[in-house]
C-alpha atoms as a PDB file:
ATOM      1  CA  MET A   1     -24.405 -63.279  11.197  1.00  0.00           C
ATOM      2  CA  THR A   2     -26.662 -64.303   8.340  1.00  0.00           C
ATOM      3  CA  SER A   3     -29.589 -62.635   6.663  1.00  0.00           C
ATOM      4  CA  TRP A   4     -33.097 -63.465   7.749  1.00  0.00           C
ATOM      5  CA  ALA A   5     -33.514 -65.449   4.507  1.00  0.00           C
ATOM      6  CA  VAL A   6     -30.573 -67.864   4.847  1.00  0.00           C
ATOM      7  CA  GLU A   7     -31.797 -71.338   5.735  1.00  0.00           C
ATOM      8  CA  GLU A   8     -29.956 -73.652   8.089  1.00  0.00           C
ATOM      9  CA  GLY A   9     -28.536 -76.608   6.187  1.00  0.00           C
ATOM     10  CA  ASN A  10     -27.165 -74.293   3.488  1.00  0.00           C
ATOM     11  CA  PRO A  11     -23.882 -75.863   2.312  1.00  0.00           C
ATOM     12  CA  GLU A  12     -22.189 -72.451   2.349  1.00  0.00           C
ATOM     13  CA  LEU A  13     -22.836 -72.179   6.091  1.00  0.00           C
ATOM     14  CA  ASP A  14     -21.237 -75.601   6.495  1.00  0.00           C
ATOM     15  CA  ARG A  15     -18.167 -74.372   4.587  1.00  0.00           C
ATOM     16  CA  LEU A  16     -17.822 -71.397   6.903  1.00  0.00           C
ATOM     17  CA  ARG A  17     -18.109 -73.618   9.956  1.00  0.00           C
ATOM     18  CA  ALA A  18     -15.541 -76.042   8.511  1.00  0.00           C
ATOM     19  CA  ILE A  19     -12.898 -73.281   8.420  1.00  0.00           C
ATOM     20  CA  GLY A  20     -13.617 -72.253  11.992  1.00  0.00           C
ATOM     21  CA  CYS A  21     -16.178 -69.483  11.593  1.00  0.00           C
ATOM     22  CA  GLU A  22     -18.894 -69.156  14.192  1.00  0.00           C
ATOM     23  CA  VAL A  23     -22.155 -68.796  12.262  1.00  0.00           C
ATOM     24  CA  VAL A  24     -25.122 -67.093  13.884  1.00  0.00           C
ATOM     25  CA  ASN A  25     -28.116 -67.812  11.704  1.00  0.00           C
ATOM     26  CA  GLU A  26     -30.935 -65.341  12.322  1.00  0.00           C
ATOM     27  CA  ARG A  27     -33.534 -67.162  10.185  1.00  0.00           C
ATOM     28  CA  ARG A  28     -37.021 -65.701  10.490  1.00  0.00           C
ATOM     29  CA  ALA A  29     -40.103 -64.782   8.438  1.00  0.00           C
ATOM     30  CA  SER A  30     -38.948 -61.287   7.376  1.00  0.00           C
ATOM     31  CA  HIS A  31     -36.061 -58.818   7.507  1.00  0.00           C
ATOM     32  CA  HIS A  32     -34.689 -57.341  10.720  1.00  0.00           C
ATOM     33  CA  SER A  33     -35.757 -53.794  11.563  1.00  0.00           C
ATOM     34  CA  GLU A  34     -33.177 -51.101  12.204  1.00  0.00           C
ATOM     35  CA  ALA A  35     -33.768 -51.431  15.966  1.00  0.00           C
ATOM     36  CA  GLU A  36     -33.172 -55.195  15.798  1.00  0.00           C
ATOM     37  CA  MET A  37     -30.037 -54.704  13.718  1.00  0.00           C
ATOM     38  CA  LEU A  38     -28.707 -52.224  16.284  1.00  0.00           C
ATOM     39  CA  ASP A  39     -28.977 -54.966  18.907  1.00  0.00           C
ATOM     40  CA  LEU A  40     -27.600 -57.744  16.688  1.00  0.00           C
ATOM     41  CA  ILE A  41     -24.643 -56.272  14.783  1.00  0.00           C
ATOM     42  CA  ARG A  42     -22.264 -55.542  17.664  1.00  0.00           C
ATOM     43  CA  GLY A  43     -19.365 -57.960  17.864  1.00  0.00           C
ATOM     44  CA  PHE A  44     -19.701 -59.471  14.385  1.00  0.00           C
ATOM     45  CA  ASP A  45     -16.793 -59.499  11.932  1.00  0.00           C
ATOM     46  CA  ALA A  46     -18.964 -60.319   8.911  1.00  0.00           C
ATOM     47  CA  SER A  47     -22.557 -60.376   7.779  1.00  0.00           C
ATOM     48  CA  ILE A  48     -24.320 -62.217   4.986  1.00  0.00           C
ATOM     49  CA  ALA A  49     -26.836 -59.528   4.093  1.00  0.00           C
ATOM     50  CA  GLY A  50     -30.300 -59.649   2.621  1.00  0.00           C
ATOM     51  CA  SER A  51     -32.904 -56.954   2.931  1.00  0.00           C
ATOM     52  CA  ASP A  52     -32.114 -56.295   6.589  1.00  0.00           C
ATOM     53  CA  ARG A  53     -31.921 -52.612   7.552  1.00  0.00           C
ATOM     54  CA  TYR A  54     -28.282 -51.484   7.339  1.00  0.00           C
ATOM     55  CA  SER A  55     -28.654 -47.801   8.181  1.00  0.00           C
ATOM     56  CA  THR A  56     -25.987 -45.289   9.137  1.00  0.00           C
ATOM     57  CA  LYS A  57     -26.853 -45.935  12.795  1.00  0.00           C
ATOM     58  CA  VAL A  58     -26.314 -49.667  12.311  1.00  0.00           C
ATOM     59  CA  PHE A  59     -22.858 -49.065  10.813  1.00  0.00           C
ATOM     60  CA  GLU A  60     -21.982 -46.715  13.673  1.00  0.00           C
ATOM     61  CA  VAL A  61     -22.510 -49.474  16.285  1.00  0.00           C
ATOM     62  CA  ALA A  62     -20.927 -52.240  14.177  1.00  0.00           C
ATOM     63  CA  ASP A  63     -17.730 -52.228  16.229  1.00  0.00           C
ATOM     64  CA  ARG A  64     -16.028 -55.180  14.519  1.00  0.00           C
ATOM     65  CA  LEU A  65     -17.719 -55.394  11.107  1.00  0.00           C
ATOM     66  CA  LYS A  66     -15.205 -55.852   8.306  1.00  0.00           C
ATOM     67  CA  ILE A  67     -17.282 -57.254   5.443  1.00  0.00           C
ATOM     68  CA  ILE A  68     -20.874 -57.520   4.251  1.00  0.00           C
ATOM     69  CA  ALA A  69     -21.601 -60.123   1.600  1.00  0.00           C
END
């Protein structure tokens, strides 16, 4: 999952895809709220973070999260 600020067409996203990563790009006008993050984070192994709300609650439901970049 990417930060709200990562634009599609970013060559780094292409690199991730080229090695077999599934990229879910959540591009939007501003950061995700805690409530949105609670719904989004489940099932992801990694996140490219920006100013999205990574609270204790978010980490508690992040069942597969291994890395935040």
